Protein backbone atom coordinates (compact mmCIF):
# COMPACT_ATOMS: atom_id res chain seq x y z
CA MET A 1 -2.61 10.41 -31.87
CA ASP A 2 -1.22 11.81 -28.64
CA PHE A 3 -3.87 10.85 -26.07
CA GLN A 4 -2.58 13.40 -23.60
CA ASN A 5 -3.57 16.09 -26.14
CA LEU A 6 -7.04 14.53 -26.27
CA PHE A 7 -7.23 14.64 -22.47
CA ILE A 8 -6.25 18.33 -22.48
CA PHE A 9 -8.89 19.09 -25.13
CA ILE A 10 -11.60 17.50 -22.97
CA LYS A 11 -10.41 19.41 -19.91
CA VAL A 12 -10.58 22.71 -21.82
CA LEU A 13 -14.24 22.05 -22.63
CA GLU A 14 -15.06 20.83 -19.13
CA LYS A 15 -13.49 23.94 -17.56
CA GLY A 16 -14.80 26.35 -20.18
CA SER A 17 -11.54 28.09 -21.07
CA PHE A 18 -7.87 27.58 -21.73
CA LEU A 19 -7.03 29.54 -18.57
CA ALA A 20 -9.22 27.41 -16.29
CA ALA A 21 -7.92 24.23 -17.89
CA SER A 22 -4.32 25.35 -17.44
CA GLU A 23 -4.95 25.95 -13.74
CA ALA A 24 -6.59 22.53 -13.32
CA LEU A 25 -3.77 20.80 -15.20
CA SER A 26 -0.97 22.89 -13.64
CA MET A 27 0.54 23.86 -16.98
CA PRO A 28 0.95 27.17 -18.82
CA THR A 29 -2.03 28.44 -20.83
CA SER A 30 0.17 28.64 -23.92
CA THR A 31 1.01 24.96 -23.57
CA VAL A 32 -2.66 24.04 -23.27
CA SER A 33 -3.50 26.02 -26.41
CA ARG A 34 -0.58 24.54 -28.33
CA ARG A 35 -1.47 20.95 -27.34
CA VAL A 36 -5.07 21.40 -28.51
CA GLN A 37 -3.78 22.79 -31.79
CA GLN A 38 -1.52 19.75 -32.17
CA LEU A 39 -4.56 17.52 -31.69
CA GLU A 40 -6.43 19.39 -34.42
CA GLU A 41 -3.48 19.03 -36.77
CA SER A 42 -3.19 15.28 -36.11
CA LEU A 43 -6.92 14.80 -36.81
CA GLY A 44 -7.03 17.13 -39.77
CA TYR A 45 -10.09 18.96 -38.41
CA ARG A 46 -10.61 22.19 -36.53
CA LEU A 47 -12.30 21.37 -33.23
CA LEU A 48 -12.76 24.78 -31.58
CA HIS A 49 -13.95 28.23 -32.58
CA ARG A 50 -11.67 30.58 -30.69
CA SER A 51 -12.72 34.09 -29.73
CA SER A 52 -11.76 36.56 -27.03
CA ARG A 53 -15.08 35.95 -25.23
CA ARG A 54 -15.71 32.22 -25.32
CA LEU A 55 -14.90 28.86 -26.82
CA GLY A 56 -17.19 27.11 -29.22
CA LEU A 57 -17.16 23.65 -30.75
CA THR A 58 -17.09 23.14 -34.47
CA GLU A 59 -19.25 20.39 -35.94
CA ALA A 60 -16.22 18.07 -35.94
CA GLY A 61 -15.40 19.13 -32.39
CA GLU A 62 -18.96 18.40 -31.25
CA LEU A 63 -18.91 14.90 -32.72
CA PHE A 64 -15.46 14.16 -31.38
CA TYR A 65 -16.16 15.43 -27.88
CA ARG A 66 -19.46 13.57 -27.63
CA ARG A 67 -17.74 10.26 -28.42
CA CYS A 68 -14.56 10.75 -26.36
CA GLN A 69 -15.77 12.47 -23.19
CA PRO A 70 -17.63 9.42 -21.73
CA LEU A 71 -14.58 7.24 -22.38
CA PHE A 72 -12.28 9.57 -20.48
CA SER A 73 -14.79 9.94 -17.66
CA GLU A 74 -14.86 6.16 -17.32
CA LEU A 75 -11.06 6.07 -17.36
CA GLU A 76 -10.86 8.70 -14.60
CA LEU A 77 -13.40 6.75 -12.52
CA ALA A 78 -11.39 3.56 -12.94
CA THR A 79 -8.27 5.40 -11.80
CA ILE A 80 -10.07 6.71 -8.71
CA GLU A 81 -11.40 3.23 -7.87
CA LEU A 82 -7.95 1.71 -8.33
CA ASP A 83 -6.40 4.31 -6.06
CA GLY A 84 -9.04 3.55 -3.43
CA ALA A 85 -8.41 -0.18 -3.66
CA LEU A 86 -4.67 0.34 -3.22
CA THR A 87 -4.85 2.84 -0.37
CA SER A 88 -8.07 2.11 1.53
CA PRO A 89 -8.38 -1.14 3.53
CA SER A 90 -11.61 -2.58 2.13
CA GLY A 91 -12.92 -5.34 -0.11
CA GLU A 92 -12.41 -9.10 -0.19
CA LEU A 93 -9.23 -10.86 0.90
CA ARG A 94 -8.79 -14.49 -0.18
CA VAL A 95 -6.55 -16.58 2.09
CA THR A 96 -5.61 -20.24 1.95
CA ALA A 97 -3.94 -22.40 4.62
CA PRO A 98 -3.66 -26.04 5.70
CA VAL A 99 -6.60 -27.08 7.90
CA SER A 100 -4.66 -27.93 11.05
CA LEU A 101 -2.36 -24.91 10.83
CA ALA A 102 -5.42 -22.68 10.60
CA ASN A 103 -7.28 -24.41 13.43
CA GLU A 104 -4.33 -24.58 15.81
CA VAL A 105 -2.53 -21.29 15.07
CA LEU A 106 -4.03 -18.93 12.51
CA ASN A 107 -7.80 -18.74 13.00
CA GLY A 108 -7.65 -16.57 16.11
CA TRP A 109 -5.40 -14.13 14.29
CA PHE A 110 -7.71 -14.05 11.27
CA PHE A 111 -10.74 -13.29 13.43
CA GLU A 112 -8.92 -10.53 15.31
CA PHE A 113 -7.86 -8.97 12.00
CA MET A 114 -11.50 -8.91 10.86
CA GLU A 115 -12.55 -7.18 14.07
CA LEU A 116 -9.90 -4.52 13.55
CA HIS A 117 -10.86 -3.97 9.89
CA PRO A 118 -14.64 -4.38 9.48
CA ASN A 119 -14.57 -3.19 5.84
CA ILE A 120 -12.42 -6.16 4.80
CA ARG A 121 -14.21 -9.41 3.95
CA LEU A 122 -12.16 -12.56 4.46
CA GLU A 123 -12.63 -15.71 2.38
CA MET A 124 -10.72 -18.64 3.83
CA LEU A 125 -9.87 -21.70 1.73
CA LEU A 126 -8.65 -24.29 4.23
CA VAL A 127 -7.31 -27.28 2.30
CA ASN A 128 -4.56 -29.84 2.84
CA ARG A 129 -3.25 -29.64 -0.70
CA ASN A 130 -1.40 -27.00 -2.68
CA ILE A 131 -4.11 -25.42 -4.81
CA ASP A 132 -3.35 -23.22 -7.84
CA LEU A 133 -3.04 -19.80 -6.23
CA ILE A 134 -3.55 -17.89 -9.48
CA ASP A 135 -6.62 -19.81 -10.62
CA GLU A 136 -8.21 -19.47 -7.18
CA GLY A 137 -7.47 -15.73 -7.00
CA ILE A 138 -5.54 -16.10 -3.74
CA ASP A 139 -4.09 -12.99 -2.09
CA ILE A 140 -2.23 -14.70 0.77
CA ALA A 141 -1.18 -18.35 1.12
CA PHE A 142 0.23 -20.15 4.14
CA ARG A 143 2.41 -23.15 3.41
CA VAL A 144 4.44 -25.64 5.46
CA GLY A 145 7.83 -26.63 4.05
CA ASP A 146 10.37 -25.17 1.67
CA ILE A 147 7.99 -24.05 -1.08
CA LYS A 148 8.94 -21.53 -3.74
CA ILE A 149 6.52 -20.16 -6.34
CA LYS A 150 7.59 -18.01 -9.27
CA ASP A 151 6.62 -14.34 -8.88
CA TRP A 152 5.49 -14.90 -5.27
CA VAL A 153 7.26 -13.63 -2.16
CA GLY A 154 7.81 -16.17 0.64
CA ARG A 155 8.06 -14.82 4.21
CA SER A 156 9.24 -17.27 6.85
CA LEU A 157 6.95 -17.10 9.90
CA PHE A 158 8.41 -19.70 12.25
CA HIS A 159 10.13 -23.06 12.33
CA SER A 160 7.67 -25.76 13.33
CA ARG A 161 9.36 -28.38 15.49
CA PHE A 162 8.17 -31.99 15.34
CA THR A 163 8.02 -34.61 18.08
CA LEU A 164 8.01 -38.39 17.76
CA CYS A 165 5.35 -39.60 20.18
CA ALA A 166 2.87 -42.31 21.20
CA SER A 167 0.29 -42.94 23.89
CA PRO A 168 1.43 -44.26 27.31
CA GLY A 169 -0.47 -47.50 26.69
CA PHE A 170 1.27 -48.01 23.34
CA VAL A 171 4.68 -47.41 24.94
CA ALA A 172 3.89 -49.98 27.63
CA GLN A 173 2.96 -52.58 24.99
CA HIS A 174 5.97 -51.84 22.75
CA PRO A 175 9.05 -51.36 24.93
CA GLY A 176 12.62 -51.26 23.68
CA LEU A 177 12.51 -48.45 21.11
CA GLU A 178 16.12 -47.24 21.02
CA HIS A 179 16.83 -46.10 17.47
CA PRO A 180 14.75 -44.64 14.59
CA SER A 181 15.41 -47.83 12.63
CA ASP A 182 13.30 -49.69 15.20
CA LEU A 183 10.24 -47.84 13.85
CA ALA A 184 10.14 -50.19 10.87
CA ASP A 185 8.67 -52.94 13.08
CA LEU A 186 5.96 -50.75 14.66
CA PRO A 187 2.57 -49.41 13.50
CA LEU A 188 2.85 -45.81 12.32
CA ILE A 189 0.47 -42.87 11.84
CA ILE A 190 1.86 -40.94 8.88
CA PRO A 191 0.57 -37.62 7.49
CA ARG A 192 0.28 -37.65 3.71
CA ARG A 193 2.39 -34.51 3.37
CA SER A 194 5.16 -35.68 5.75
CA PRO A 195 5.98 -39.25 4.65
CA LEU A 196 9.75 -38.90 5.16
CA TRP A 197 10.91 -38.55 8.76
CA ARG A 198 14.36 -37.14 9.52
CA PHE A 199 16.05 -37.38 12.90
CA ARG A 200 19.24 -35.79 14.18
CA HIS A 201 21.12 -37.33 17.11
CA ALA A 202 22.58 -35.29 19.94
CA ASP A 203 26.05 -36.10 18.56
CA GLY A 204 25.09 -34.69 15.13
CA GLY A 205 24.26 -37.93 13.31
CA LEU A 206 21.39 -37.83 10.78
CA TYR A 207 18.93 -40.64 10.10
CA GLU A 208 16.16 -40.67 7.49
CA PHE A 209 13.20 -43.02 7.78
CA SER A 210 10.30 -43.76 5.46
CA GLY A 211 8.05 -46.49 6.80
CA GLU A 212 4.79 -48.19 5.94
CA ALA A 213 1.77 -46.50 7.47
CA ARG A 214 -0.87 -48.30 9.45
CA LEU A 215 -2.91 -45.12 9.02
CA ARG A 216 -2.16 -42.43 6.45
CA VAL A 217 -4.15 -39.23 6.88
CA ASP A 218 -4.11 -35.71 5.43
CA GLU A 219 -5.44 -33.91 8.53
CA LEU A 220 -3.13 -33.55 11.54
CA ARG A 221 -5.76 -33.35 14.28
CA THR A 222 -7.06 -36.75 13.16
CA ALA A 223 -3.50 -38.08 13.28
CA VAL A 224 -3.14 -36.82 16.87
CA LYS A 225 -6.37 -38.56 17.87
CA ALA A 226 -5.18 -41.81 16.30
CA VAL A 227 -1.86 -41.63 18.19
CA SER A 228 -3.68 -40.79 21.45
CA ALA A 229 -5.94 -43.82 20.90
CA GLY A 230 -2.88 -46.08 20.83
CA LEU A 231 -3.08 -47.00 17.15
CA GLY A 232 0.56 -46.22 16.46
CA ILE A 233 3.49 -43.81 16.61
CA GLY A 234 3.29 -40.34 15.09
CA ASN A 235 5.86 -37.73 14.16
CA LEU A 236 3.87 -34.51 14.22
CA PRO A 237 4.25 -30.73 14.59
CA ASN A 238 4.34 -29.45 18.14
CA TYR A 239 1.52 -26.98 17.47
CA VAL A 240 -0.92 -29.92 17.25
CA LEU A 241 0.74 -31.92 20.04
CA ARG A 242 1.00 -29.21 22.70
CA GLU A 243 -2.17 -30.19 24.58
CA GLY A 244 -1.57 -33.95 24.43
CA LEU A 245 2.05 -33.67 25.56
CA GLY A 246 1.03 -31.28 28.31
CA ASN A 247 -1.70 -33.45 29.83
CA GLY A 248 0.13 -36.77 29.50
CA GLU A 249 -2.04 -38.28 26.76
CA LEU A 250 1.09 -38.42 24.59
CA VAL A 251 4.65 -39.39 25.47
CA PRO A 252 7.72 -38.17 23.53
CA LEU A 253 9.98 -40.94 22.22
CA LEU A 254 13.71 -41.22 21.47
CA PRO A 255 14.73 -38.10 23.44
CA GLU A 256 18.29 -38.29 22.10
CA TRP A 257 16.97 -37.97 18.55
CA GLN A 258 15.44 -34.63 17.50
CA SER A 259 12.83 -34.81 14.73
CA GLU A 260 13.57 -32.43 11.89
CA GLY A 261 10.97 -29.65 11.69
CA ARG A 262 9.63 -27.63 8.80
CA ASP A 263 9.32 -23.93 8.10
CA VAL A 264 5.91 -22.25 8.01
CA GLN A 265 5.70 -19.59 5.32
CA MET A 266 3.36 -16.83 4.20
CA LEU A 267 3.30 -16.24 0.45
CA TYR A 268 1.88 -13.34 -1.55
CA PRO A 269 2.28 -12.03 -5.12
CA HIS A 270 5.47 -10.14 -5.92
CA ARG A 271 3.99 -6.70 -6.56
CA LYS A 272 5.46 -3.26 -6.06
CA TYR A 273 2.07 -1.81 -5.24
CA LEU A 274 0.14 -4.19 -2.99
CA PRO A 275 -3.47 -3.26 -2.14
CA ALA A 276 -3.87 -1.75 1.32
CA LYS A 277 -5.86 -4.76 2.56
CA VAL A 278 -3.01 -7.12 1.64
CA ARG A 279 -0.31 -4.92 3.15
CA LEU A 280 -2.29 -4.55 6.37
CA PHE A 281 -2.83 -8.30 6.61
CA ILE A 282 0.86 -9.07 6.06
CA GLU A 283 1.93 -6.54 8.69
CA PHE A 284 -0.67 -7.87 11.14
CA ILE A 285 0.47 -11.49 10.74
CA MET A 286 4.15 -10.58 11.15
CA GLU A 287 3.31 -8.68 14.36
CA LYS A 288 1.45 -11.73 15.69
CA VAL A 289 4.37 -14.02 14.85
CA GLU A 290 6.78 -11.71 16.68
CA LEU A 291 4.45 -11.58 19.69
CA HIS A 292 4.10 -15.39 19.88
CA LYS A 293 7.56 -16.43 18.62
CA THR A 294 8.47 -18.19 21.87
CA GLU A 295 5.51 -20.55 21.90
CA LEU A 296 5.57 -21.02 18.11
CA GLY A 297 9.20 -22.13 18.29
CA GLU A 298 8.48 -24.84 20.86
């Protein structure tokens, strides 16, 4: 069965004539009549009584229309709702991000976005592990590091620089740190997701270090507090160190060795037709990144 012929048949009855249906469907009246006739031939039943004055349903036509019309009405409603979801910024948006990245960088942006778009509801899943984005129904994910997911687009937001640091008291008690290899003899505060530390010297030399942690933690703000308390040395992103480095609670170490940073990405499903709420959110975040690129690149 050609379901377009069925759709035309229903439109003829809804509009009351072939002429009115042809105008609604933007096709010639002769084509409308011919397509209804093709439907009758495919079914093997006459559906309409045709006269110069009006259309009438046969018994077969009455039964067929009564069963099919609600289905097509539901289909049209679904199409309208889908179009609204894709073009109108409303509904729920599910976002996931690492806890510290959200607290230090993203939360203010999220809240501003909600103020600008009151019809969009935001659900934030802040976790320090890579959850299954499909199972959790995630629309937008923020990730730190070179992460690629099949059928998801990754947009680089900024490069997060890291700084090797300690408290002034710790530095006073442990003098003589001259090379990254010296870290092996010192207590370390190591984030669970950044166990391997890479350093590049001013002359271009590269050194990789993986030491034993005195404290291993999966939340960066806690790591900063531990370093500030003098428990050990940390190698952490600048976006969580900015305040401590600025007020003197933390001291940068090995100035000739630059800690290797990591890229911060925004990921979303690879779709040709993204819902309006997702497109708006992506555009908003990219505008914020451009506006704050200087401080984010510190």
